[in-house]
Amino acid sequence: MKSLKFLVAAVAAVSVLVFLASLVIVVSTDGSHEQAANICAYSLIASFVSLVFYQPKKKESDLAS
């Protein structure tokens, strides 16, 4: 179970980084780079979905209550 949580966190981090990188490329080319725009759109969807499943670690004090 712990490896599944790590995998979800890794996928979320990678998808957010890919989204930001492709967004920078799209903005710097004024939207003329279609492949980067497609990657930006799909990575936005992937990052949203992966962040829905991401659950940050809970502190001991949160678990007690």
Protein backbone atom coordinates (compact mmCIF):
# COMPACT_ATOMS: atom_id res chain seq x y z
CA MET A 1 0.00 0.00 0.00
CA LYS A 2 2.88 2.30 0.78
CA SER A 3 4.36 1.79 -2.68
CA LEU A 4 1.00 2.67 -4.26
CA LYS A 5 0.91 5.96 -2.34
CA PHE A 6 4.47 6.68 -3.44
CA LEU A 7 3.60 5.90 -7.05
CA VAL A 8 0.58 8.22 -6.96
CA ALA A 9 2.70 11.00 -5.45
CA ALA A 10 5.41 10.49 -8.08
CA VAL A 11 2.91 10.55 -10.95
CA ALA A 12 1.30 13.68 -9.54
CA ALA A 13 4.65 15.44 -9.25
CA VAL A 14 5.76 14.45 -12.75
CA SER A 15 2.46 15.44 -14.35
CA VAL A 16 2.51 18.85 -12.68
CA LEU A 17 6.11 19.42 -13.81
CA VAL A 18 5.30 18.37 -17.37
CA PHE A 19 2.30 20.70 -17.37
CA LEU A 20 4.40 23.65 -16.20
CA ALA A 21 7.18 22.95 -18.70
CA SER A 22 4.80 22.63 -21.63
CA LEU A 23 2.93 25.74 -20.50
CA VAL A 24 6.18 27.70 -20.58
CA ILE A 25 6.86 26.47 -24.13
CA VAL A 26 3.35 27.38 -25.27
CA VAL A 27 3.57 30.85 -23.75
CA SER A 28 7.04 31.53 -25.13
CA THR A 29 5.94 30.58 -28.68
CA ASP A 30 2.66 32.55 -28.42
CA GLY A 31 0.65 29.37 -28.86
CA SER A 32 2.14 28.38 -32.22
CA HIS A 33 3.72 25.15 -30.95
CA GLU A 34 0.78 22.74 -31.34
CA GLN A 35 2.51 19.67 -29.94
CA ALA A 36 3.39 21.52 -26.73
CA ALA A 37 -0.20 22.75 -26.51
CA ASN A 38 -1.49 19.17 -26.78
CA ILE A 39 0.98 17.97 -24.15
CA CYS A 40 -0.09 20.88 -21.94
CA ALA A 41 -3.76 19.95 -22.24
CA TYR A 42 -3.25 16.25 -21.60
CA SER A 43 -0.85 16.81 -18.72
CA LEU A 44 -3.35 19.20 -17.16
CA ILE A 45 -5.93 16.42 -17.20
CA ALA A 46 -3.41 13.89 -15.88
CA SER A 47 -2.25 16.18 -13.09
CA PHE A 48 -5.83 16.90 -12.05
CA VAL A 49 -6.71 13.22 -11.93
CA SER A 50 -3.53 12.27 -10.09
CA LEU A 51 -3.94 15.08 -7.57
CA VAL A 52 -7.47 13.86 -6.83
CA PHE A 53 -5.99 10.53 -5.72
CA TYR A 54 -3.03 12.10 -3.87
CA GLN A 55 -3.33 12.10 -0.09
CA PRO A 56 -0.65 13.90 1.90
CA LYS A 57 0.82 12.22 4.97
CA LYS A 58 -1.17 12.71 8.14
CA LYS A 59 0.49 13.78 11.35
CA GLU A 60 0.15 11.73 14.52
CA SER A 61 -1.93 14.47 16.14
CA ASP A 62 -4.42 14.34 13.24
CA LEU A 63 -4.77 10.59 13.58
CA ALA A 64 -5.61 10.78 17.29
CA SER A 65 -8.66 12.97 16.78
